[in-house]
């Protein structure tokens, strides 16, 4: 994913969490996850910390799945939308 695509997906996840939680570093699971989304979008991408952004994005996706906010299929589709992958083999 390009830096702008990473920023967009981080904002997408932040918006999904918005009605469920506030934003707070070290807060509840969802508060901290929203804070992480903002860090990716506003700091890491802007300062070319793309590897760190990708690691955090994976963590965020795990939280979103375990909390039941998105299914694995939905998360996979989000990534495909940004990566323009059409024919990825299902596992």
Protein backbone atom coordinates (compact mmCIF):
# COMPACT_ATOMS: atom_id res chain seq x y z
CA UNK A 1 0.00 0.00 0.00
CA UNK A 2 1.10 3.53 -0.65
CA UNK A 3 1.49 5.93 2.28
CA UNK A 4 -1.75 7.68 1.28
CA UNK A 5 -3.60 4.36 1.17
CA UNK A 6 -2.31 3.52 4.65
CA UNK A 7 -3.54 6.90 5.87
CA UNK A 8 -6.95 6.32 4.29
CA UNK A 9 -7.44 2.88 5.82
CA UNK A 10 -6.35 4.19 9.25
CA UNK A 11 -8.98 6.94 8.98
CA UNK A 12 -11.55 4.36 7.85
CA UNK A 13 -10.92 2.31 10.99
CA UNK A 14 -10.97 5.45 13.15
CA UNK A 15 -14.40 6.34 11.74
CA UNK A 16 -15.65 2.81 12.41
CA UNK A 17 -14.56 3.13 16.05
CA UNK A 18 -15.86 6.69 16.50
CA UNK A 19 -19.38 5.81 17.70
CA UNK A 20 -17.99 3.14 20.02
CA UNK A 21 -15.14 4.88 21.78
CA UNK A 22 -13.20 8.00 22.64
CA UNK A 23 -9.49 8.42 21.91
CA UNK A 24 -6.86 7.88 24.59
CA UNK A 25 -3.33 6.54 24.60
CA UNK A 26 -3.23 3.66 27.06
CA UNK A 27 -7.02 3.78 27.55
CA UNK A 28 -9.46 0.96 26.98
CA UNK A 29 -8.84 -1.41 24.07
CA UNK A 30 -10.94 0.66 21.70
CA UNK A 31 -9.73 4.05 22.97
CA UNK A 32 -6.14 3.00 22.47
CA UNK A 33 -6.93 1.50 19.07
CA UNK A 34 -8.45 4.80 17.92
CA UNK A 35 -5.37 6.61 19.20
CA UNK A 36 -3.23 4.19 17.16
CA UNK A 37 -5.28 4.93 14.03
CA UNK A 38 -4.65 8.63 14.48
CA UNK A 39 -0.93 8.07 15.10
CA UNK A 40 -0.66 6.14 11.84
CA UNK A 41 -2.56 8.74 9.83
CA UNK A 42 -1.17 11.90 11.39
CA UNK A 43 2.38 10.95 12.43
CA UNK A 44 3.78 7.78 10.92
CA UNK A 45 2.72 8.39 7.32
CA UNK A 46 3.73 12.05 7.46
CA UNK A 47 7.16 11.12 8.85
CA UNK A 48 7.75 8.19 6.49
CA UNK A 49 7.49 5.52 9.21
CA UNK A 50 5.74 3.13 6.83
CA UNK A 51 7.00 -0.15 8.30
CA UNK A 52 5.79 0.89 11.75
CA UNK A 53 2.47 2.03 10.26
CA UNK A 54 2.00 -1.37 8.63
CA UNK A 55 2.77 -3.23 11.87
CA UNK A 56 0.31 -1.08 13.80
CA UNK A 57 -2.30 -1.49 11.07
CA UNK A 58 -2.06 -5.27 11.47
CA UNK A 59 -2.50 -4.92 15.23
CA UNK A 60 -5.52 -2.65 14.73
CA UNK A 61 -7.09 -5.13 12.34
CA UNK A 62 -6.64 -7.84 14.97
CA UNK A 63 -8.41 -5.72 17.57
CA UNK A 64 -11.23 -4.91 15.16
CA UNK A 65 -11.69 -8.62 14.48
CA UNK A 66 -11.49 -9.81 18.09
CA UNK A 67 -13.95 -7.09 19.16
CA UNK A 68 -16.40 -8.23 16.47
CA UNK A 69 -16.38 -4.90 14.63
CA UNK A 70 -15.29 -6.47 11.33
CA UNK A 71 -15.04 -10.05 10.13
CA UNK A 72 -11.86 -11.50 8.66
CA UNK A 73 -13.51 -11.39 5.23
CA UNK A 74 -14.31 -7.69 5.64
CA UNK A 75 -10.79 -6.85 6.77
CA UNK A 76 -9.36 -8.81 3.84
CA UNK A 77 -11.61 -6.86 1.49
CA UNK A 78 -10.47 -3.54 2.97
CA UNK A 79 -6.87 -4.45 2.22
CA UNK A 80 -7.73 -5.66 -1.27
CA UNK A 81 -9.55 -2.42 -2.06
CA UNK A 82 -6.46 -0.42 -1.24
CA UNK A 83 -4.03 -2.83 -2.85
CA UNK A 84 -6.12 -3.42 -6.01
CA UNK A 85 -5.77 -7.18 -5.74
CA UNK A 86 -8.57 -8.96 -7.55
CA UNK A 87 -7.65 -12.62 -7.76
CA UNK A 88 -6.00 -13.58 -4.48
CA UNK A 89 -6.38 -17.28 -3.71
CA UNK A 90 -8.59 -18.00 -0.71
CA UNK A 91 -6.94 -20.03 2.01
